[in-house]
N, C-alpha and C. Protein backbone atom coordinates (compact mmCIF):
# COMPACT_ATOMS: atom_id res chain seq x y z
N UNK A 1 309.57 134.67 53.81
CA UNK A 1 308.52 134.53 54.82
C UNK A 1 307.41 133.59 53.99
N UNK A 2 306.87 132.71 54.77
CA UNK A 2 305.76 131.78 54.28
C UNK A 2 304.54 132.04 54.87
N UNK A 3 303.33 132.13 54.04
CA UNK A 3 302.04 132.34 54.60
C UNK A 3 301.46 131.08 54.67
N UNK A 4 301.07 130.73 55.90
CA UNK A 4 300.37 129.44 56.34
C UNK A 4 298.96 129.47 57.00
N UNK A 5 298.26 128.46 57.05
CA UNK A 5 297.03 128.23 57.70
C UNK A 5 297.17 127.35 58.80
N UNK A 6 297.10 127.82 60.05
CA UNK A 6 297.33 126.81 61.17
C UNK A 6 296.21 125.86 61.20
N UNK A 7 296.39 124.56 61.38
CA UNK A 7 295.38 123.55 61.71
C UNK A 7 295.20 123.32 63.04
N UNK A 8 296.07 123.76 63.88
CA UNK A 8 295.87 123.66 65.44
C UNK A 8 296.63 124.64 66.10
N UNK A 9 296.10 124.82 67.44
CA UNK A 9 296.71 126.04 68.16
C UNK A 9 298.25 125.87 68.44
N UNK A 10 298.96 126.86 68.18
CA UNK A 10 300.44 126.96 68.47
C UNK A 10 300.62 128.04 69.46
N UNK A 11 301.03 127.67 70.74
CA UNK A 11 301.28 128.72 71.56
C UNK A 11 302.26 129.80 71.17
N UNK A 12 301.86 131.06 71.24
CA UNK A 12 302.70 132.15 70.86
C UNK A 12 302.53 132.49 69.26
N UNK A 13 301.84 131.73 68.57
CA UNK A 13 301.62 131.91 67.12
C UNK A 13 300.13 132.09 66.68
N UNK A 14 299.19 131.34 67.02
CA UNK A 14 297.83 131.50 66.75
C UNK A 14 297.11 130.28 66.94
N UNK A 15 295.82 130.50 66.69
CA UNK A 15 294.81 129.38 66.87
C UNK A 15 294.59 128.69 65.50
N UNK A 16 293.80 127.58 65.61
CA UNK A 16 293.41 126.92 64.39
C UNK A 16 292.64 127.80 63.45
N UNK A 17 292.98 127.86 62.22
CA UNK A 17 292.16 128.66 61.17
C UNK A 17 292.74 129.86 61.04
N UNK A 18 293.82 130.30 61.70
CA UNK A 18 294.44 131.61 61.73
C UNK A 18 295.57 131.63 60.43
N UNK A 19 295.43 132.75 59.57
CA UNK A 19 296.47 132.76 58.56
C UNK A 19 297.73 133.53 59.21
N UNK A 20 298.84 132.96 59.18
CA UNK A 20 300.05 133.67 59.63
C UNK A 20 301.16 133.71 58.68
N UNK A 21 302.13 134.45 58.95
CA UNK A 21 303.37 134.66 58.16
C UNK A 21 304.49 134.28 59.08
N UNK A 22 305.25 133.12 58.58
CA UNK A 22 306.42 132.78 59.56
C UNK A 22 307.60 132.65 58.57
N UNK A 23 308.83 132.51 59.23
CA UNK A 23 310.06 132.32 58.38
C UNK A 23 310.00 130.98 57.73
N UNK A 24 310.70 130.96 56.54
CA UNK A 24 310.54 129.68 55.77
C UNK A 24 311.13 128.45 56.52
N UNK A 25 312.30 128.65 57.14
CA UNK A 25 312.72 127.42 57.87
C UNK A 25 311.72 126.93 58.88
N UNK A 26 311.06 127.78 59.71
CA UNK A 26 310.10 127.24 60.73
C UNK A 26 309.03 126.55 60.00
N UNK A 27 308.55 127.10 59.01
CA UNK A 27 307.50 126.49 58.16
C UNK A 27 307.83 125.07 57.60
N UNK A 28 309.02 125.02 56.95
CA UNK A 28 309.45 123.93 56.17
C UNK A 28 309.99 122.85 57.37
N UNK A 29 310.57 123.19 58.23
CA UNK A 29 311.10 122.23 59.30
C UNK A 29 310.26 121.92 60.22
N UNK A 30 309.29 122.66 60.70
CA UNK A 30 308.55 122.25 62.00
C UNK A 30 307.20 122.23 61.78
N UNK A 31 306.40 123.40 61.20
CA UNK A 31 304.95 123.31 61.09
C UNK A 31 304.31 122.38 60.13
N UNK A 32 305.00 122.38 58.71
CA UNK A 32 304.28 121.66 57.83
C UNK A 32 304.62 120.05 58.00
N UNK A 33 305.89 119.59 58.44
CA UNK A 33 306.03 118.25 58.61
C UNK A 33 305.24 117.47 59.67
N UNK A 34 304.87 118.26 60.57
CA UNK A 34 304.11 117.94 61.86
C UNK A 34 302.53 117.95 61.76
N UNK A 35 302.31 118.57 60.53
CA UNK A 35 300.75 118.77 60.18
C UNK A 35 300.17 119.86 61.10
N UNK A 36 300.92 120.74 61.53
CA UNK A 36 300.46 121.73 62.40
C UNK A 36 299.93 122.96 61.46
N UNK A 37 300.14 123.07 60.19
CA UNK A 37 299.81 124.05 59.33
C UNK A 37 299.63 123.55 57.80
N UNK A 38 299.08 124.38 57.07
CA UNK A 38 298.86 124.12 55.51
C UNK A 38 299.48 125.41 54.85
N UNK A 39 299.95 125.11 53.55
CA UNK A 39 300.41 126.43 52.89
C UNK A 39 299.11 127.03 52.48
N UNK A 40 299.24 128.43 52.47
CA UNK A 40 298.19 129.16 52.16
C UNK A 40 297.96 129.23 50.65
N UNK A 41 296.69 129.29 50.22
CA UNK A 41 296.21 129.59 48.83
C UNK A 41 294.97 130.12 48.76
N UNK A 42 294.47 130.52 47.57
CA UNK A 42 293.30 131.19 47.43
C UNK A 42 292.04 129.96 47.71
N UNK A 43 292.40 128.79 47.27
CA UNK A 43 291.47 127.76 47.60
C UNK A 43 291.45 127.46 49.02
N UNK A 44 292.41 127.75 49.71
CA UNK A 44 292.53 127.38 51.09
C UNK A 44 291.63 128.24 52.05
N UNK A 45 291.17 129.24 51.52
CA UNK A 45 290.07 129.98 52.13
C UNK A 45 288.86 129.14 52.81
N UNK A 46 288.34 128.27 51.95
CA UNK A 46 287.38 127.35 52.40
C UNK A 46 287.87 126.55 53.49
N UNK A 47 289.24 126.17 53.41
CA UNK A 47 289.47 125.23 54.61
C UNK A 47 289.52 126.10 56.01
N UNK A 48 289.88 127.56 55.79
CA UNK A 48 289.87 128.26 56.96
C UNK A 48 288.56 128.35 57.59
N UNK A 49 287.52 128.43 56.74
CA UNK A 49 286.18 128.61 57.39
C UNK A 49 285.86 127.15 58.08
N UNK A 50 286.14 125.97 57.46
CA UNK A 50 285.81 124.72 58.06
C UNK A 50 286.69 124.43 59.42
N UNK A 51 287.84 124.90 59.27
CA UNK A 51 288.75 124.71 60.55
C UNK A 51 288.20 125.55 61.67
N UNK A 52 287.83 126.94 61.39
CA UNK A 52 287.25 127.69 62.38
C UNK A 52 285.77 127.21 62.86
N UNK A 53 284.95 126.57 62.03
CA UNK A 53 283.72 126.00 62.54
C UNK A 53 284.06 124.68 63.38
N UNK A 54 285.04 123.88 62.92
CA UNK A 54 285.36 122.83 63.95
C UNK A 54 285.94 123.33 65.22
N UNK A 55 286.68 124.46 65.28
CA UNK A 55 287.32 124.88 66.52
C UNK A 55 286.25 125.55 67.31
N UNK A 56 285.28 126.22 66.77
CA UNK A 56 284.15 126.77 67.61
C UNK A 56 283.17 125.77 68.16
N UNK A 57 283.18 124.50 67.46
CA UNK A 57 282.24 123.61 67.98
C UNK A 57 282.87 122.83 69.20
N UNK A 58 284.27 122.73 69.27
CA UNK A 58 285.11 122.27 70.24
C UNK A 58 285.17 123.21 71.48
N UNK A 59 285.18 124.51 71.34
CA UNK A 59 285.30 125.47 72.41
C UNK A 59 284.09 125.51 73.24
N UNK A 60 284.31 126.16 74.42
CA UNK A 60 283.25 126.34 75.34
C UNK A 60 282.19 127.21 74.74
N UNK A 61 280.94 127.12 74.97
CA UNK A 61 279.89 128.04 74.48
C UNK A 61 280.18 129.42 74.89
N UNK A 62 280.69 129.63 76.09
CA UNK A 62 280.75 130.93 76.47
C UNK A 62 282.08 131.16 77.62
N UNK A 63 282.37 132.28 77.74
CA UNK A 63 283.36 132.81 78.66
C UNK A 63 283.10 132.33 80.01
N UNK A 64 281.87 132.40 80.48
CA UNK A 64 281.46 132.05 81.88
C UNK A 64 281.54 130.47 82.14
N UNK A 65 281.32 129.84 81.09
CA UNK A 65 281.43 128.28 81.25
C UNK A 65 282.70 127.94 81.31
N UNK A 66 283.75 128.54 80.53
CA UNK A 66 285.09 128.36 80.67
C UNK A 66 285.70 128.65 82.06
N UNK A 67 285.30 129.86 82.40
CA UNK A 67 285.71 130.36 83.73
C UNK A 67 285.19 129.39 84.96
N UNK A 68 283.95 128.99 84.90
CA UNK A 68 283.50 127.96 85.78
C UNK A 68 284.29 126.77 85.80
N UNK A 69 284.67 126.20 84.67
CA UNK A 69 285.38 124.92 84.60
C UNK A 69 286.83 125.15 85.07
N UNK A 70 287.39 126.36 84.78
CA UNK A 70 288.83 126.53 85.14
C UNK A 70 288.69 126.55 86.70
N UNK A 71 287.77 127.38 87.37
CA UNK A 71 287.72 127.24 88.86
C UNK A 71 287.68 125.88 89.31
N UNK A 72 286.95 125.15 88.69
CA UNK A 72 286.83 123.68 89.22
C UNK A 72 288.08 122.87 88.98
N UNK A 73 288.68 122.93 87.82
CA UNK A 73 289.97 122.29 87.68
C UNK A 73 291.10 122.80 88.67
N UNK A 74 291.15 123.97 88.93
CA UNK A 74 292.23 124.56 89.86
C UNK A 74 292.02 124.17 91.15
N UNK A 75 290.65 123.92 91.66
CA UNK A 75 290.40 123.65 93.02
C UNK A 75 290.75 122.26 93.46
N UNK A 76 290.68 121.27 92.62
CA UNK A 76 290.85 119.81 93.00
C UNK A 76 292.01 119.28 92.22
N UNK A 77 292.91 118.81 92.73
CA UNK A 77 293.93 117.89 92.14
C UNK A 77 293.52 116.82 91.47
N UNK A 78 294.08 116.55 90.31
CA UNK A 78 293.66 115.18 89.46
C UNK A 78 294.76 114.16 89.59
N UNK A 79 294.46 112.91 89.94
CA UNK A 79 295.35 111.75 90.19
C UNK A 79 295.40 111.10 89.06
N UNK A 80 296.74 110.74 88.48
CA UNK A 80 296.81 109.76 87.40
C UNK A 80 297.59 108.62 87.93
N UNK A 81 297.05 107.48 87.67
CA UNK A 81 297.59 106.19 88.12
C UNK A 81 298.15 105.61 86.87
N UNK A 82 299.45 105.30 86.93
CA UNK A 82 300.25 104.97 85.86
C UNK A 82 301.32 103.68 86.26
N UNK A 83 301.75 102.97 85.35
CA UNK A 83 302.57 101.83 85.63
C UNK A 83 304.02 102.48 85.92
N UNK A 84 304.61 102.09 87.00
CA UNK A 84 305.80 102.49 87.39
C UNK A 84 306.75 101.37 88.02
N UNK A 85 307.98 101.55 88.03
CA UNK A 85 308.84 100.60 88.52
C UNK A 85 309.13 100.83 89.96
N UNK A 86 309.88 100.14 90.68
CA UNK A 86 310.22 100.18 92.10
C UNK A 86 310.77 101.43 92.51
N UNK A 87 311.41 102.19 91.68
CA UNK A 87 312.12 103.40 92.13
C UNK A 87 311.24 104.56 91.77
N UNK A 88 309.90 104.39 91.23
CA UNK A 88 309.04 105.44 90.94
C UNK A 88 309.31 106.01 89.60
N UNK A 89 310.16 105.20 88.73
CA UNK A 89 310.36 105.76 87.29
C UNK A 89 309.28 105.14 86.58
N UNK A 90 308.52 105.90 85.70
CA UNK A 90 307.28 105.39 84.96
C UNK A 90 307.98 104.48 83.70
N UNK A 91 306.97 103.56 83.22
CA UNK A 91 307.22 102.89 82.14
C UNK A 91 306.61 103.75 81.00
N UNK A 92 307.31 104.59 80.40
CA UNK A 92 306.77 105.48 79.31
C UNK A 92 306.67 106.86 80.04
N UNK A 93 305.82 107.73 79.39
CA UNK A 93 305.59 109.17 79.96
C UNK A 93 304.02 109.53 80.01
N UNK A 94 303.76 110.40 80.76
CA UNK A 94 302.49 111.03 80.71
C UNK A 94 302.17 111.85 79.59
N UNK A 95 300.91 111.52 78.89
CA UNK A 95 300.67 112.36 77.61
C UNK A 95 299.45 113.20 77.94
N UNK A 96 299.26 114.14 76.89
CA UNK A 96 298.17 115.13 77.21
C UNK A 96 296.69 114.38 77.13
N UNK A 97 296.77 113.30 76.48
CA UNK A 97 295.61 112.46 76.43
C UNK A 97 295.25 112.01 77.74
N UNK A 98 296.33 111.32 78.47
CA UNK A 98 296.19 110.75 79.80
C UNK A 98 295.55 111.74 80.84
N UNK A 99 296.02 113.08 80.84
CA UNK A 99 295.59 114.17 81.50
C UNK A 99 294.11 114.29 81.20
N UNK A 100 293.75 114.44 79.96
CA UNK A 100 292.36 114.66 79.62
C UNK A 100 291.33 113.65 80.07
N UNK A 101 291.81 112.40 79.91
CA UNK A 101 290.90 111.23 80.46
C UNK A 101 290.91 111.25 81.91
N UNK A 102 292.05 111.44 82.75
CA UNK A 102 291.96 111.60 84.02
C UNK A 102 291.14 112.65 84.56
N UNK A 103 290.94 113.95 83.88
CA UNK A 103 290.23 114.97 84.34
C UNK A 103 288.75 114.58 84.21
N UNK A 104 288.42 113.85 83.23
CA UNK A 104 286.94 113.46 82.81
C UNK A 104 286.52 112.14 83.72
N UNK A 105 287.39 111.35 84.27
CA UNK A 105 287.30 110.40 85.12
C UNK A 105 287.10 110.97 86.57
N UNK A 106 287.67 112.08 86.87
CA UNK A 106 287.60 112.78 88.05
C UNK A 106 286.15 113.72 88.20
N UNK A 107 285.46 113.65 87.10
CA UNK A 107 284.15 114.30 87.19
C UNK A 107 284.24 115.82 87.09
N UNK A 108 285.43 116.30 86.40
CA UNK A 108 285.64 117.75 86.25
C UNK A 108 285.25 118.12 84.87
N UNK A 109 284.47 117.45 84.14
CA UNK A 109 284.21 117.90 82.81
C UNK A 109 285.16 117.36 81.73
N UNK A 110 284.72 117.61 80.48
CA UNK A 110 285.73 117.29 79.41
C UNK A 110 286.73 118.20 78.99
N UNK A 111 287.89 117.93 78.51
CA UNK A 111 288.78 118.94 78.09
C UNK A 111 289.37 118.51 76.77
N UNK A 112 289.74 119.29 75.80
CA UNK A 112 290.33 118.76 74.63
C UNK A 112 291.94 118.60 74.96
N UNK A 113 292.18 117.32 74.52
CA UNK A 113 293.59 116.99 74.83
C UNK A 113 294.62 117.97 74.22
N UNK A 114 294.16 118.38 72.85
CA UNK A 114 295.14 119.39 72.22
C UNK A 114 295.30 120.80 73.02
N UNK A 115 294.47 121.03 73.98
CA UNK A 115 294.50 122.27 74.73
C UNK A 115 295.61 122.13 76.03
N UNK A 116 295.82 120.83 76.20
CA UNK A 116 296.78 120.56 77.44
C UNK A 116 298.19 120.83 77.17
N UNK A 117 298.80 121.54 78.09
CA UNK A 117 300.19 121.87 77.83
C UNK A 117 300.96 121.25 79.14
N UNK A 118 301.69 120.40 78.93
CA UNK A 118 302.52 119.70 79.97
C UNK A 118 303.90 120.18 80.06
N UNK A 119 304.43 120.05 81.41
CA UNK A 119 305.77 120.41 81.51
C UNK A 119 306.70 119.36 80.95
N UNK A 120 307.74 119.70 80.22
CA UNK A 120 308.67 118.92 79.48
C UNK A 120 308.13 117.61 79.38
N UNK A 121 308.61 116.55 80.03
CA UNK A 121 308.34 115.04 80.08
C UNK A 121 308.17 114.59 81.50
N UNK A 122 306.97 114.11 81.77
CA UNK A 122 306.85 113.40 83.13
C UNK A 122 307.10 111.99 82.96
N UNK A 123 308.18 111.70 83.78
CA UNK A 123 308.69 110.18 83.60
C UNK A 123 308.88 109.56 85.04
N UNK A 124 308.44 110.35 86.13
CA UNK A 124 308.49 109.74 87.43
C UNK A 124 307.27 110.15 88.24
N UNK A 125 306.88 109.42 89.29
CA UNK A 125 305.77 109.67 90.10
C UNK A 125 306.15 110.90 90.96
N UNK A 126 305.04 111.67 91.15
CA UNK A 126 305.34 113.02 92.10
C UNK A 126 304.18 114.02 91.54
N UNK A 127 304.29 115.23 92.03
CA UNK A 127 303.45 116.43 91.73
C UNK A 127 303.77 117.13 90.57
N UNK A 128 302.94 117.48 89.74
CA UNK A 128 303.18 118.24 88.55
C UNK A 128 302.05 119.36 88.37
N UNK A 129 302.34 120.31 87.45
CA UNK A 129 301.27 121.16 87.08
C UNK A 129 301.17 121.18 85.54
N UNK A 130 300.02 121.22 85.00
CA UNK A 130 299.75 121.28 83.58
C UNK A 130 298.73 122.57 83.40
N UNK A 131 299.06 123.11 82.18
CA UNK A 131 298.19 124.36 81.89
C UNK A 131 297.14 123.74 80.72
N UNK A 132 295.94 124.40 80.78
CA UNK A 132 294.95 124.07 80.02
C UNK A 132 294.26 125.29 79.53
N UNK A 133 294.26 125.35 78.13
CA UNK A 133 293.68 126.64 77.58
C UNK A 133 292.12 126.21 77.16
N UNK A 134 291.33 126.71 78.08
CA UNK A 134 289.81 126.42 77.83
C UNK A 134 289.10 127.42 76.76
N UNK A 135 289.71 128.54 76.80
CA UNK A 135 289.04 129.48 75.87
C UNK A 135 290.19 130.61 75.47
N UNK A 136 289.90 131.33 74.39
CA UNK A 136 291.03 132.40 74.22
C UNK A 136 291.50 133.17 75.30
N UNK A 137 290.54 133.51 76.27
CA UNK A 137 290.93 134.44 77.39
C UNK A 137 291.05 133.64 78.67
N UNK A 138 290.81 132.30 78.73
CA UNK A 138 290.80 131.62 79.99
C UNK A 138 291.69 130.38 79.94
N UNK A 139 292.81 130.23 80.87
CA UNK A 139 293.36 129.11 80.92
C UNK A 139 293.36 128.75 82.46
N UNK A 140 293.50 127.40 82.76
CA UNK A 140 293.55 126.80 84.07
C UNK A 140 294.92 126.02 84.30
N UNK A 141 295.21 126.07 85.56
CA UNK A 141 296.39 125.22 85.96
C UNK A 141 295.75 124.05 86.82
N UNK A 142 296.12 122.79 86.21
CA UNK A 142 295.80 121.63 86.87
C UNK A 142 296.92 121.13 87.71
N UNK A 143 296.58 120.68 89.00
CA UNK A 143 297.65 120.08 89.81
C UNK A 143 297.50 118.66 89.55
N UNK A 144 298.61 117.86 89.12
CA UNK A 144 298.51 116.45 88.81
C UNK A 144 299.31 115.74 89.84
N UNK A 145 298.76 114.66 90.33
CA UNK A 145 299.39 113.75 91.20
C UNK A 145 299.65 112.63 90.47
N UNK A 146 300.95 112.26 90.11
CA UNK A 146 301.15 110.99 89.41
C UNK A 146 301.58 110.03 90.44
N UNK A 147 300.86 108.86 90.44
CA UNK A 147 301.05 107.72 91.38
C UNK A 147 301.25 106.47 90.61
N UNK A 148 302.03 105.50 91.16
CA UNK A 148 302.20 104.30 90.56
C UNK A 148 301.03 103.32 90.90
N UNK A 149 300.71 102.58 89.80
CA UNK A 149 299.44 101.58 89.92
C UNK A 149 299.97 100.21 90.32
């Protein structure tokens, strides 16, 4: 088992700044190469504090604010205009950053792109749903309408 410090939220494992123990292969082959975690050390405790401070600065100030934004996000569909071919197939794919920018452009507030969870890969026009974790206890479902530009 490897002891690691998470640098960003991993669904089902923990949030940024958490110290977790995972199997060696998962740490060596997935978390460490992608920069999702750092190896734990006694000197790493200082990093934990700075990661947690940065996370708290990005999070909503209160649970009520997060619930209010979740209600707004769930109430109104967000339209993403992307380049597509004649058959409706996209030139590329929709990314979490694209969703975050579209939410802000729709006037629904700002969300952190790292908190957006997309279904597999969106490679054609149509309607989709994305999950957004606004707070530890609050998640919202965004209805995405992907249209050709």
